[in-house]
Amino acid sequence: QVQLVEYGGGLVQAGGSLRLSCAASGISINTMGWYRQAPGKQRELVAITSGGSTNYAEAVKGRFTISRDNAKNTVYLQMNSLKPEDTAIYYCYGYKLGSVYWGHGTQVTVSS
């Protein structure tokens, strides 16, 4: 059974930093990333990494960094210079061979 488990959400003041991590078990996933969903909004891509390449949403470029540890099958999201508009539930995402996997989500709240 494939599971994605996120860690690291919480409450932080604007300008602060948080680091999210997501560990995959049950399968080695090549494409992993992060999406987020704010109240009343659609889920949106934050950052994704696949085969050594990375892509970021324009809103987070220069502030967020995605990385992974292949040996641990874990992906990280370092979030710096956080803004109140970054407040959302952050979901870990995995894709392999036509199957999509989601974590349960972790809340990130940025206070002004």
C-alpha atoms as a PDB file:
ATOM      1  CA  GLN A   1       0.000   0.000   0.000  1.00  0.00           C
ATOM      2  CA  VAL A   2       1.372   3.381  -1.032  1.00  0.00           C
ATOM      3  CA  GLN A   3       1.390   6.107   1.585  1.00  0.00           C
ATOM      4  CA  LEU A   4       2.602   9.687   1.541  1.00  0.00           C
ATOM      5  CA  VAL A   5       2.998  11.215   4.982  1.00  0.00           C
ATOM      6  CA  GLU A   6       3.691  14.922   5.451  1.00  0.00           C
ATOM      7  CA  TYR A   7       5.390  16.619   8.387  1.00  0.00           C
ATOM      8  CA  GLY A   8       6.309  20.157   9.299  1.00  0.00           C
ATOM      9  CA  GLY A   9       3.274  22.380   8.988  1.00  0.00           C
ATOM     10  CA  GLY A  10       2.398  24.956  11.604  1.00  0.00           C
ATOM     11  CA  LEU A  11       1.888  28.600  12.461  1.00  0.00           C
ATOM     12  CA  VAL A  12       4.526  31.169  11.585  1.00  0.00           C
ATOM     13  CA  GLN A  13       4.719  34.945  11.343  1.00  0.00           C
ATOM     14  CA  ALA A  14       5.057  36.661   8.021  1.00  0.00           C
ATOM     15  CA  GLY A  15       8.669  36.655   6.904  1.00  0.00           C
ATOM     16  CA  GLY A  16       9.374  33.424   8.717  1.00  0.00           C
ATOM     17  CA  SER A  17      10.309  29.979   7.444  1.00  0.00           C
ATOM     18  CA  LEU A  18       8.984  26.449   7.567  1.00  0.00           C
ATOM     19  CA  ARG A  19      10.206  23.188   6.169  1.00  0.00           C
ATOM     20  CA  LEU A  20       7.802  20.519   5.032  1.00  0.00           C
ATOM     21  CA  SER A  21       8.768  16.927   4.429  1.00  0.00           C
ATOM     22  CA  CYS A  22       6.938  14.047   2.823  1.00  0.00           C
ATOM     23  CA  ALA A  23       7.983  10.442   3.098  1.00  0.00           C
ATOM     24  CA  ALA A  24       6.694   7.899   0.596  1.00  0.00           C
ATOM     25  CA  SER A  25       6.349   4.266   1.530  1.00  0.00           C
ATOM     26  CA  GLY A  26       5.302   1.258  -0.443  1.00  0.00           C
ATOM     27  CA  ILE A  27       6.759   2.431  -3.737  1.00  0.00           C
ATOM     28  CA  SER A  28       9.682   4.374  -5.126  1.00  0.00           C
ATOM     29  CA  ILE A  29       8.207   7.472  -6.761  1.00  0.00           C
ATOM     30  CA  ASN A  30      10.094   9.440  -9.382  1.00  0.00           C
ATOM     31  CA  THR A  31       7.842  12.464  -9.595  1.00  0.00           C
ATOM     32  CA  MET A  32       7.017  14.137  -6.302  1.00  0.00           C
ATOM     33  CA  GLY A  33       5.887  17.573  -5.353  1.00  0.00           C
ATOM     34  CA  TRP A  34       3.651  19.847  -3.370  1.00  0.00           C
ATOM     35  CA  TYR A  35       0.235  21.347  -3.981  1.00  0.00           C
ATOM     36  CA  ARG A  36      -1.731  23.652  -1.731  1.00  0.00           C
ATOM     37  CA  GLN A  37      -5.344  24.594  -1.224  1.00  0.00           C
ATOM     38  CA  ALA A  38      -6.484  27.743   0.505  1.00  0.00           C
ATOM     39  CA  PRO A  39     -10.041  28.137   1.820  1.00  0.00           C
ATOM     40  CA  GLY A  40     -12.463  28.727  -1.025  1.00  0.00           C
ATOM     41  CA  LYS A  41      -9.818  28.164  -3.683  1.00  0.00           C
ATOM     42  CA  GLN A  42      -8.819  25.340  -5.955  1.00  0.00           C
ATOM     43  CA  ARG A  43      -5.840  23.147  -5.236  1.00  0.00           C
ATOM     44  CA  GLU A  44      -2.799  24.549  -7.009  1.00  0.00           C
ATOM     45  CA  LEU A  45       0.692  23.363  -7.809  1.00  0.00           C
ATOM     46  CA  VAL A  46       3.440  24.793  -5.615  1.00  0.00           C
ATOM     47  CA  ALA A  47       6.536  22.897  -6.707  1.00  0.00           C
ATOM     48  CA  ILE A  48       7.413  19.622  -8.345  1.00  0.00           C
ATOM     49  CA  THR A  49      10.542  17.596  -8.975  1.00  0.00           C
ATOM     50  CA  SER A  50      11.042  14.818 -11.467  1.00  0.00           C
ATOM     51  CA  GLY A  51      14.188  13.202 -12.779  1.00  0.00           C
ATOM     52  CA  GLY A  52      16.346  15.959 -11.356  1.00  0.00           C
ATOM     53  CA  SER A  53      14.339  18.836 -12.783  1.00  0.00           C
ATOM     54  CA  THR A  54      12.193  21.190 -10.732  1.00  0.00           C
ATOM     55  CA  ASN A  55       9.350  23.577 -11.421  1.00  0.00           C
ATOM     56  CA  TYR A  56       7.745  26.205  -9.238  1.00  0.00           C
ATOM     57  CA  ALA A  57       4.601  28.260  -9.230  1.00  0.00           C
ATOM     58  CA  GLU A  58       5.344  31.884 -10.028  1.00  0.00           C
ATOM     59  CA  ALA A  59       4.010  32.939  -6.633  1.00  0.00           C
ATOM     60  CA  VAL A  60       6.706  31.016  -4.765  1.00  0.00           C
ATOM     61  CA  LYS A  61       9.738  31.342  -7.044  1.00  0.00           C
ATOM     62  CA  GLY A  62      12.727  32.655  -5.164  1.00  0.00           C
ATOM     63  CA  ARG A  63      11.164  31.888  -1.782  1.00  0.00           C
ATOM     64  CA  PHE A  64      10.489  28.145  -1.811  1.00  0.00           C
ATOM     65  CA  THR A  65      12.907  25.350  -2.613  1.00  0.00           C
ATOM     66  CA  ILE A  66      11.974  21.752  -3.332  1.00  0.00           C
ATOM     67  CA  SER A  67      14.485  18.972  -2.815  1.00  0.00           C
ATOM     68  CA  ARG A  68      14.498  15.244  -2.346  1.00  0.00           C
ATOM     69  CA  ASP A  69      16.440  12.454  -0.760  1.00  0.00           C
ATOM     70  CA  ASN A  70      16.086   9.473  -3.075  1.00  0.00           C
ATOM     71  CA  ALA A  71      17.573   7.087  -0.556  1.00  0.00           C
ATOM     72  CA  LYS A  72      14.808   8.002   1.883  1.00  0.00           C
ATOM     73  CA  ASN A  73      12.114   8.396  -0.791  1.00  0.00           C
ATOM     74  CA  THR A  74      11.403  11.767   0.781  1.00  0.00           C
ATOM     75  CA  VAL A  75      10.702  15.180  -0.688  1.00  0.00           C
ATOM     76  CA  TYR A  76      11.151  18.467   1.142  1.00  0.00           C
ATOM     77  CA  LEU A  77       9.808  21.972   0.720  1.00  0.00           C
ATOM     78  CA  GLN A  78      11.815  24.759   2.302  1.00  0.00           C
ATOM     79  CA  MET A  79       9.605  27.820   2.557  1.00  0.00           C
ATOM     80  CA  ASN A  80      11.231  31.166   3.286  1.00  0.00           C
ATOM     81  CA  SER A  81       9.888  34.717   3.416  1.00  0.00           C
ATOM     82  CA  LEU A  82       6.428  33.377   4.041  1.00  0.00           C
ATOM     83  CA  LYS A  83       3.452  35.607   3.362  1.00  0.00           C
ATOM     84  CA  PRO A  84      -0.110  35.485   4.706  1.00  0.00           C
ATOM     85  CA  GLU A  85      -1.265  34.459   1.223  1.00  0.00           C
ATOM     86  CA  ASP A  86       0.796  31.269   1.579  1.00  0.00           C
ATOM     87  CA  THR A  87      -1.699  30.093   4.203  1.00  0.00           C
ATOM     88  CA  ALA A  88      -3.198  26.827   2.989  1.00  0.00           C
ATOM     89  CA  ILE A  89      -3.262  23.089   3.436  1.00  0.00           C
ATOM     90  CA  TYR A  90      -0.194  21.702   1.724  1.00  0.00           C
ATOM     91  CA  TYR A  91      -0.494  18.299   0.096  1.00  0.00           C
ATOM     92  CA  CYS A  92       2.304  16.006  -0.928  1.00  0.00           C
ATOM     93  CA  TYR A  93       1.922  14.638  -4.447  1.00  0.00           C
ATOM     94  CA  GLY A  94       3.402  11.621  -6.130  1.00  0.00           C
ATOM     95  CA  TYR A  95       3.074  10.238  -9.641  1.00  0.00           C
ATOM     96  CA  LYS A  96       4.298   7.004 -11.171  1.00  0.00           C
ATOM     97  CA  LEU A  97       3.179   4.930 -14.137  1.00  0.00           C
ATOM     98  CA  GLY A  98      -0.191   6.614 -14.489  1.00  0.00           C
ATOM     99  CA  SER A  99      -1.066   6.553 -10.801  1.00  0.00           C
ATOM    100  CA  VAL A 100      -1.396   9.649  -8.641  1.00  0.00           C
ATOM    101  CA  TYR A 101      -0.842   9.600  -4.912  1.00  0.00           C
ATOM    102  CA  TRP A 102      -1.727  12.233  -2.303  1.00  0.00           C
ATOM    103  CA  GLY A 103      -0.778  12.810   1.274  1.00  0.00           C
ATOM    104  CA  HIS A 104      -3.315  13.736   3.918  1.00  0.00           C
ATOM    105  CA  GLY A 105      -2.226  17.371   3.957  1.00  0.00           C
ATOM    106  CA  THR A 106      -0.586  19.614   6.520  1.00  0.00           C
ATOM    107  CA  GLN A 107      -1.792  23.059   7.543  1.00  0.00           C
ATOM    108  CA  VAL A 108       0.466  26.056   7.069  1.00  0.00           C
ATOM    109  CA  THR A 109      -0.752  29.295   8.592  1.00  0.00           C
ATOM    110  CA  VAL A 110       1.130  32.570   8.143  1.00  0.00           C
ATOM    111  CA  SER A 111       0.074  35.418  10.401  1.00  0.00           C
ATOM    112  CA  SER A 112       0.520  39.056   9.427  1.00  0.00           C
END
